[in-house]
Amino acid sequence: MRNVLISGASIAGPALAYWLQRKGFSVTVVERSPGPRNGGQAIDIRGVALDVVDRMGLGERIRAARTRMRGMSMLDSAGNELFRSEEHTISGGRLDNEDVELLREDLTAMLHEATKDQVEYVFGDSITALRQDERGVRVEFEHGGFRTFDFVIGADGLHSTVRRLAFGPEQQFSSHLGQYLAIFPMTNFLGLDNWQVWFQDGATGAGGGVYPVRDNTELRVTLGFRSEPVTYDYRDTEQQKQLMAERLAGLGWEVPKLLSAMAEAPDFYFDVMSQIHMDRWTTGRVALVGDAGYCASVLSGQGTSLALVGAYVLAEELGRPGIDHTSAFAAYERRMRPFVALNQALATENPDGPAPEESLNRAKNAISLDVDGSAD
């Protein structure tokens, strides 16, 4: 039985583990965090990615967990309403389509539950070195020891360790999109009822939004600012909170309360909005999937869908009977690259707002799960 190590237990990793174990692989997932990650924003599953979760048997549960937004308001930096909509929201798009918006932590929990009995999970550890030859990949771990695997897959996000070890420094592949984003929870002090509120300072581009979750008992807060590249430690949350507080200082409405809650937030996400562009996602017996190989950024709204579809296609190709991994990896790249390009373009071609509906509809369906090639 061929064995595979997957680095990363967010979305792409567990989804890939699900499909690989069904094709007869022995799968281990290593994850730096001590358990499945909590927190994060509402994410979207769209187009072909919905077919993937349906094939996993998770479609009904995922649709039951979807957010129930009624609409949104847009405010200026002083809190004056500029417009409102009951047809779409910034986080989820049109409210009358079949796409599903749900909390990242809910999807992560479902994927973990669907795989934990068939997949070995190693939480609280990470990869520190890779050495591969024609027979396998020798992997060293942060907490000591080594193991050898037939394949290693990096599903470890924008700042992928596997990508750095196998392909080189992140700077070679990262494309800055000019924005930084923070996400954290707090109590629903505004009393919002399935309604989003977004705000922006026209002069600086700083702003954010709040929307209720968990039956309107909690808010998820998104804050952001525009900037050229900023030097910071992506594992130092206190430094990141201070940076965000400095950039949003002086904004009106309820921003001071949001910043105060941010300072105490136990679950906090902060990162640069950037994309990953690589000439290849595979080398020898190592491959990348999801954000590790082709991050489209939160601005595209398609990161989750790319992760789910990429995991499905990679497992399908690697699990074909009688095929060698070199041919399987080549087929994975050939099938995914047109799909990735269209979805990354949703962010780069529309830097100041959501992509046009026709562009999103084209991108989210631009691959077939059943044939070798892109859909027309």
Protein backbone atom coordinates (compact mmCIF):
# COMPACT_ATOMS: atom_id res chain seq x y z
CA MET A 1 0.00 0.00 0.00
CA ARG A 2 1.39 3.39 -0.99
CA ASN A 3 1.64 5.90 1.85
CA VAL A 4 1.21 9.67 1.61
CA LEU A 5 2.02 12.48 4.02
CA ILE A 6 -0.15 15.59 3.74
CA SER A 7 0.98 18.78 5.48
CA GLY A 8 -2.00 20.87 6.57
CA ALA A 9 -5.38 20.01 8.11
CA SER A 10 -7.55 22.95 7.08
CA ILE A 11 -9.56 22.24 3.90
CA ALA A 12 -7.37 21.01 1.05
CA GLY A 13 -5.52 18.55 3.31
CA PRO A 14 -8.47 16.66 4.78
CA ALA A 15 -10.32 16.74 1.45
CA LEU A 16 -7.32 15.18 -0.28
CA ALA A 17 -6.97 12.65 2.55
CA TYR A 18 -10.61 11.64 2.07
CA TRP A 19 -10.20 10.87 -1.60
CA LEU A 20 -6.76 9.24 -1.35
CA GLN A 21 -7.75 6.79 1.38
CA ARG A 22 -10.77 5.78 -0.70
CA LYS A 23 -8.34 4.93 -3.51
CA GLY A 24 -6.32 2.66 -1.26
CA PHE A 25 -3.58 4.94 0.01
CA SER A 26 -2.39 4.97 3.61
CA VAL A 27 -2.66 8.66 4.58
CA THR A 28 -1.05 10.69 7.36
CA VAL A 29 -1.89 14.37 7.93
CA VAL A 30 0.49 16.54 9.96
CA GLU A 31 -0.75 19.88 11.29
CA ARG A 32 1.11 22.54 13.26
CA SER A 33 -1.90 23.55 15.38
CA PRO A 34 -2.86 21.37 18.37
CA GLY A 35 -6.18 20.37 16.81
CA PRO A 36 -8.66 21.32 14.08
CA ARG A 37 -8.55 25.10 13.74
CA ASN A 38 -11.36 27.28 15.08
CA GLY A 39 -12.27 30.79 13.98
CA GLY A 40 -11.93 32.33 10.57
CA GLN A 41 -14.32 33.93 8.16
CA ALA A 42 -17.35 32.76 6.29
CA ILE A 43 -16.18 30.95 3.16
CA ASP A 44 -17.92 30.01 -0.08
CA ILE A 45 -18.36 26.71 -1.91
CA ARG A 46 -19.36 27.37 -5.48
CA GLY A 47 -19.96 25.66 -8.81
CA VAL A 48 -17.97 22.48 -9.37
CA ALA A 49 -16.80 22.49 -5.74
CA LEU A 50 -20.39 21.79 -4.69
CA ASP A 51 -20.26 18.65 -6.81
CA VAL A 52 -17.13 17.61 -4.90
CA VAL A 53 -18.77 17.89 -1.48
CA ASP A 54 -21.87 16.14 -2.80
CA ARG A 55 -19.68 13.23 -3.92
CA MET A 56 -18.21 13.16 -0.42
CA GLY A 57 -21.70 12.76 1.03
CA LEU A 58 -21.39 16.09 2.86
CA GLY A 59 -23.63 18.22 0.66
CA GLU A 60 -26.73 18.03 2.84
CA ARG A 61 -24.84 18.86 6.04
CA ILE A 62 -22.96 21.70 4.40
CA ARG A 63 -26.12 23.27 3.03
CA ALA A 64 -27.78 22.97 6.45
CA ALA A 65 -24.85 24.87 7.99
CA ARG A 66 -24.99 27.75 5.51
CA THR A 67 -25.29 31.33 6.71
CA ARG A 68 -28.73 32.94 6.48
CA MET A 69 -27.95 36.53 5.56
CA ARG A 70 -30.83 38.78 4.54
CA GLY A 71 -28.67 41.53 3.09
CA MET A 72 -26.09 44.19 3.87
CA SER A 73 -25.44 47.88 4.43
CA MET A 74 -22.40 49.93 3.36
CA LEU A 75 -21.33 52.83 5.55
CA ASP A 76 -18.77 55.57 5.23
CA SER A 77 -16.04 55.91 7.88
CA ALA A 78 -18.33 58.08 10.05
CA GLY A 79 -21.14 55.50 10.06
CA ASN A 80 -23.46 57.12 7.48
CA GLU A 81 -25.23 54.58 5.28
CA LEU A 82 -24.25 54.87 1.65
CA PHE A 83 -26.43 52.05 0.32
CA ARG A 84 -28.05 48.77 1.27
CA SER A 85 -28.94 45.59 -0.58
CA GLU A 86 -31.24 42.67 0.00
CA GLU A 87 -30.01 40.93 -3.14
CA HIS A 88 -26.34 40.32 -2.37
CA THR A 89 -23.66 40.55 0.33
CA ILE A 90 -19.96 41.27 0.05
CA SER A 91 -19.00 38.01 1.74
CA GLY A 92 -21.34 35.67 -0.12
CA GLY A 93 -22.46 37.30 -3.35
CA ARG A 94 -26.02 36.93 -4.64
CA LEU A 95 -28.45 35.57 -2.09
CA ASP A 96 -30.62 33.73 -4.62
CA ASN A 97 -28.02 31.38 -6.12
CA GLU A 98 -27.10 27.81 -5.24
CA ASP A 99 -23.66 28.65 -3.84
CA VAL A 100 -23.13 27.93 -0.17
CA GLU A 101 -21.57 30.26 2.39
CA LEU A 102 -20.65 28.75 5.76
CA LEU A 103 -18.08 29.25 8.48
CA ARG A 104 -14.61 27.90 7.76
CA GLU A 105 -14.48 26.13 11.13
CA ASP A 106 -17.72 24.26 10.35
CA LEU A 107 -16.37 22.95 7.05
CA THR A 108 -13.03 22.04 8.66
CA ALA A 109 -14.83 20.12 11.40
CA MET A 110 -16.93 18.19 8.87
CA LEU A 111 -13.88 17.24 6.81
CA HIS A 112 -12.01 16.09 9.90
CA GLU A 113 -14.96 14.03 11.09
CA ALA A 114 -15.29 12.41 7.67
CA THR A 115 -11.64 11.30 7.68
CA LYS A 116 -10.45 10.83 11.28
CA ASP A 117 -11.30 7.11 11.44
CA GLN A 118 -9.41 6.22 8.23
CA VAL A 119 -6.58 8.78 8.33
CA GLU A 120 -3.74 9.25 10.81
CA TYR A 121 -3.71 12.82 12.13
CA VAL A 122 -0.60 14.17 13.83
CA PHE A 123 -1.45 17.50 15.46
CA GLY A 124 1.03 19.86 17.07
CA ASP A 125 3.92 19.01 14.76
CA SER A 126 5.36 20.14 11.43
CA ILE A 127 7.85 19.19 8.73
CA THR A 128 11.38 20.55 9.03
CA ALA A 129 13.22 18.76 6.20
CA LEU A 130 12.53 16.75 3.06
CA ARG A 131 14.94 14.49 1.19
CA GLN A 132 13.64 12.51 -1.74
CA ASP A 133 14.99 9.92 -4.13
CA GLU A 134 13.47 7.56 -6.69
CA ARG A 135 11.99 5.35 -3.94
CA GLY A 136 10.39 7.85 -1.57
CA VAL A 137 10.64 10.99 0.56
CA ARG A 138 12.42 11.05 3.93
CA VAL A 139 10.65 13.55 6.19
CA GLU A 140 12.02 15.05 9.40
CA PHE A 141 9.69 16.54 11.99
CA GLU A 142 9.92 19.48 14.37
CA HIS A 143 9.45 17.31 17.44
CA GLY A 144 12.04 14.79 16.39
CA GLY A 145 12.31 11.64 14.34
CA PHE A 146 11.79 10.93 10.68
CA ARG A 147 9.55 8.81 8.48
CA THR A 148 9.63 7.83 4.83
CA PHE A 149 6.65 8.23 2.53
CA ASP A 150 5.96 7.46 -1.10
CA PHE A 151 4.61 10.99 -1.60
CA VAL A 152 4.44 14.27 0.30
CA ILE A 153 1.70 16.81 -0.46
CA GLY A 154 1.80 20.40 0.73
CA ALA A 155 -1.69 21.57 1.66
CA ASP A 156 -0.30 24.03 4.18
CA GLY A 157 -1.52 27.34 2.88
CA LEU A 158 -0.09 30.61 1.66
CA HIS A 159 3.05 30.29 3.81
CA SER A 160 3.59 26.63 2.92
CA THR A 161 6.52 24.88 4.57
CA VAL A 162 6.46 22.11 1.96
CA ARG A 163 6.69 24.67 -0.84
CA ARG A 164 9.64 26.38 0.83
CA LEU A 165 11.51 23.12 1.40
CA ALA A 166 10.83 21.60 -2.02
CA PHE A 167 10.66 24.62 -4.33
CA GLY A 168 12.35 27.58 -2.62
CA PRO A 169 11.53 30.78 -0.71
CA GLU A 170 8.00 32.17 -0.77
CA GLN A 171 9.15 35.48 -2.24
CA GLN A 172 9.82 33.75 -5.57
CA PHE A 173 6.15 32.89 -6.01
CA SER A 174 4.18 35.51 -4.07
CA SER A 175 2.37 38.38 -5.78
CA HIS A 176 1.29 41.21 -3.43
CA LEU A 177 -2.28 42.46 -3.92
CA GLY A 178 -1.92 45.62 -1.84
CA GLN A 179 -4.11 44.73 1.14
CA TYR A 180 -3.92 43.23 4.63
CA LEU A 181 -6.81 41.55 6.42
CA ALA A 182 -7.70 40.55 9.99
CA ILE A 183 -10.59 38.35 11.16
CA PHE A 184 -11.77 37.65 14.71
CA PRO A 185 -14.97 36.93 16.71
CA MET A 186 -16.77 39.06 19.29
CA THR A 187 -20.21 39.29 20.88
CA ASN A 188 -23.05 40.68 18.76
CA PHE A 189 -23.14 44.03 20.56
CA LEU A 190 -24.91 45.58 17.56
CA GLY A 191 -27.86 43.18 17.74
CA LEU A 192 -27.56 42.38 14.03
CA ASP A 193 -30.14 39.90 12.72
CA ASN A 194 -28.59 38.04 9.77
CA TRP A 195 -27.49 41.39 8.36
CA GLN A 196 -24.01 42.47 7.33
CA VAL A 197 -22.57 45.95 7.88
CA TRP A 198 -19.50 47.08 5.93
CA PHE A 199 -17.60 50.36 6.18
CA GLN A 200 -14.71 52.04 4.40
CA ASP A 201 -12.70 55.22 4.65
CA GLY A 202 -12.58 56.69 1.19
CA ALA A 203 -9.31 58.50 1.77
CA THR A 204 -7.18 55.63 3.09
CA GLY A 205 -9.01 52.51 1.91
CA ALA A 206 -9.07 51.18 5.49
CA GLY A 207 -12.30 49.54 6.55
CA GLY A 208 -14.01 46.26 7.22
CA GLY A 209 -17.25 44.59 8.03
CA VAL A 210 -19.22 42.68 10.64
CA TYR A 211 -21.80 39.95 10.27
CA PRO A 212 -23.60 37.75 12.81
CA VAL A 213 -23.15 33.98 13.13
CA ARG A 214 -24.28 31.24 15.53
CA ASP A 215 -27.94 32.28 15.49
CA ASN A 216 -26.96 35.95 15.77
CA THR A 217 -25.16 35.45 19.10
CA GLU A 218 -21.69 36.25 17.75
CA LEU A 219 -20.08 38.59 15.25
CA ARG A 220 -17.30 37.79 12.86
CA VAL A 221 -15.30 40.96 12.30
CA THR A 222 -13.18 41.65 9.23
CA LEU A 223 -10.78 44.60 9.27
CA GLY A 224 -8.38 45.62 6.55
CA PHE A 225 -6.12 48.29 5.11
CA ARG A 226 -4.33 49.00 1.84
CA SER A 227 -0.57 49.10 1.87
CA GLU A 228 2.62 48.28 0.08
CA PRO A 229 4.38 45.24 1.59
CA VAL A 230 4.80 45.47 5.37
CA THR A 231 7.41 43.52 7.31
CA TYR A 232 5.88 41.50 10.14
CA ASP A 233 6.07 38.09 11.79
CA TYR A 234 3.13 36.03 10.55
CA ARG A 235 3.14 34.02 13.78
CA ASP A 236 3.23 37.06 16.15
CA THR A 237 -0.44 37.86 16.72
CA GLU A 238 0.22 40.71 19.15
CA GLN A 239 2.37 42.48 16.57
CA GLN A 240 -0.35 41.96 13.96
CA LYS A 241 -3.08 43.34 16.24
CA GLN A 242 -0.97 46.42 16.92
CA LEU A 243 -0.40 46.94 13.22
CA MET A 244 -4.11 46.74 12.45
CA ALA A 245 -5.00 49.06 15.37
CA GLU A 246 -2.53 51.69 14.11
CA ARG A 247 -3.87 51.59 10.56
CA LEU A 248 -7.53 51.93 11.62
CA ALA A 249 -7.01 54.46 14.40
CA GLY A 250 -9.19 57.51 13.97
CA LEU A 251 -12.02 55.83 12.06
CA GLY A 252 -15.50 56.56 13.39
CA TRP A 253 -18.70 54.52 13.73
CA GLU A 254 -18.07 51.53 16.07
CA VAL A 255 -14.45 51.01 15.03
CA PRO A 256 -13.01 51.82 18.51
CA LYS A 257 -15.16 49.02 20.00
CA LEU A 258 -14.07 46.63 17.26
CA LEU A 259 -10.41 47.42 17.91
CA SER A 260 -10.89 46.97 21.65
CA ALA A 261 -12.45 43.55 21.07
CA MET A 262 -9.65 42.65 18.67
CA ALA A 263 -7.06 43.27 21.38
CA GLU A 264 -8.68 40.57 23.55
CA ALA A 265 -9.72 38.15 20.80
CA PRO A 266 -8.43 34.60 21.44
CA ASP A 267 -9.00 33.51 17.83
CA PHE A 268 -7.32 35.93 15.47
CA TYR A 269 -6.30 35.69 11.82
CA PHE A 270 -4.13 38.22 10.02
CA ASP A 271 -2.41 38.01 6.67
CA VAL A 272 -1.42 39.76 3.52
CA MET A 273 -3.67 39.47 0.50
CA SER A 274 -1.43 37.87 -2.10
CA GLN A 275 -1.44 35.17 -4.73
CA ILE A 276 0.92 32.29 -5.42
CA HIS A 277 2.04 31.80 -9.03
CA MET A 278 4.30 28.86 -9.88
CA ASP A 279 5.53 27.30 -13.11
CA ARG A 280 5.01 23.88 -11.55
CA TRP A 281 3.23 22.51 -8.50
CA THR A 282 5.09 19.19 -8.42
CA THR A 283 8.69 18.09 -8.18
CA GLY A 284 9.67 14.45 -7.96
CA ARG A 285 7.40 12.88 -5.35
CA VAL A 286 6.25 16.17 -3.82
CA ALA A 287 3.16 18.12 -4.89
CA LEU A 288 1.19 21.18 -3.75
CA VAL A 289 -2.57 21.64 -3.53
CA GLY A 290 -4.82 24.59 -2.66
CA ASP A 291 -3.30 27.83 -1.39
CA ALA A 292 0.14 26.23 -1.10
CA GLY A 293 0.35 25.95 -4.88
CA TYR A 294 -2.08 28.48 -6.28
CA CYS A 295 -3.51 30.79 -3.63
CA ALA A 296 -6.07 33.09 -5.24
CA SER A 297 -6.54 35.15 -2.03
CA VAL A 298 -9.65 35.97 -0.05
CA LEU A 299 -10.32 38.70 -2.60
CA SER A 300 -11.19 36.08 -5.22
CA GLY A 301 -13.83 34.39 -3.05
CA GLN A 302 -12.70 31.10 -4.56
CA GLY A 303 -9.92 29.80 -2.31
CA THR A 304 -12.09 27.12 -0.72
CA SER A 305 -13.47 25.93 -4.04
CA LEU A 306 -9.96 25.73 -5.52
CA ALA A 307 -8.84 23.66 -2.52
CA LEU A 308 -11.75 21.21 -2.77
CA VAL A 309 -11.52 20.78 -6.53
CA GLY A 310 -7.73 20.58 -6.51
CA ALA A 311 -7.83 17.85 -3.86
CA TYR A 312 -10.35 15.85 -5.88
CA VAL A 313 -8.43 16.13 -9.15
CA LEU A 314 -5.05 15.33 -7.58
CA ALA A 315 -6.43 12.23 -5.85
CA GLU A 316 -8.21 11.11 -9.01
CA GLU A 317 -5.06 11.32 -11.08
CA LEU A 318 -2.72 9.83 -8.48
CA GLY A 319 -5.14 6.98 -7.84
CA ARG A 320 -5.60 5.85 -11.45
CA PRO A 321 -4.64 2.16 -11.78
CA GLY A 322 -1.32 1.52 -13.45
CA ILE A 323 -0.25 5.15 -13.74
CA ASP A 324 3.12 6.38 -12.47
CA HIS A 325 3.25 9.45 -10.26
CA THR A 326 5.08 11.56 -12.85
CA SER A 327 2.24 11.12 -15.33
CA ALA A 328 -0.37 11.58 -12.58
CA PHE A 329 1.15 14.86 -11.43
CA ALA A 330 1.38 16.10 -15.02
CA ALA A 331 -2.30 15.31 -15.59
CA TYR A 332 -3.23 17.10 -12.34
CA GLU A 333 -1.45 20.25 -13.48
CA ARG A 334 -2.87 20.06 -16.99
CA ARG A 335 -6.45 19.81 -15.73
CA MET A 336 -6.17 22.40 -12.96
CA ARG A 337 -4.19 25.22 -14.55
CA PRO A 338 -6.98 26.76 -16.69
CA PHE A 339 -9.36 26.56 -13.72
CA VAL A 340 -6.83 28.20 -11.39
CA ALA A 341 -6.04 30.98 -13.87
CA LEU A 342 -9.68 32.01 -14.25
CA ASN A 343 -10.27 32.00 -10.50
CA GLN A 344 -7.12 33.95 -9.66
CA ALA A 345 -8.18 36.54 -12.23
CA LEU A 346 -11.33 37.25 -10.20
CA ALA A 347 -9.11 39.09 -7.71
CA THR A 348 -6.51 40.64 -9.98
CA GLU A 349 -8.96 41.94 -12.59
CA ASN A 350 -11.32 43.38 -9.97
CA PRO A 351 -9.08 44.88 -7.25
CA ASP A 352 -11.65 47.37 -5.97
CA GLY A 353 -14.70 45.18 -5.58
CA PRO A 354 -16.45 41.86 -6.22
CA ALA A 355 -15.99 40.30 -9.63
CA PRO A 356 -18.83 40.64 -12.15
CA GLU A 357 -21.37 37.85 -11.82
CA GLU A 358 -20.67 36.52 -15.31
CA SER A 359 -16.95 36.24 -14.55
CA LEU A 360 -17.61 34.36 -11.31
CA ASN A 361 -20.09 32.00 -12.97
CA ARG A 362 -17.60 31.19 -15.69
CA ALA A 363 -14.69 30.66 -13.29
CA LYS A 364 -16.50 28.53 -10.72
CA ASN A 365 -17.61 26.01 -13.36
CA ALA A 366 -14.52 26.02 -15.59
CA ILE A 367 -13.47 22.41 -15.04
CA SER A 368 -15.01 18.98 -15.38
CA LEU A 369 -14.65 16.42 -12.60
CA ASP A 370 -15.17 13.54 -15.00
CA VAL A 371 -13.07 14.26 -18.09
CA ASP A 372 -9.47 15.24 -18.66
CA GLY A 373 -9.84 18.88 -19.57
CA SER A 374 -11.70 22.08 -18.86
CA ALA A 375 -15.38 22.65 -19.46
CA ASP A 376 -16.44 24.97 -22.24
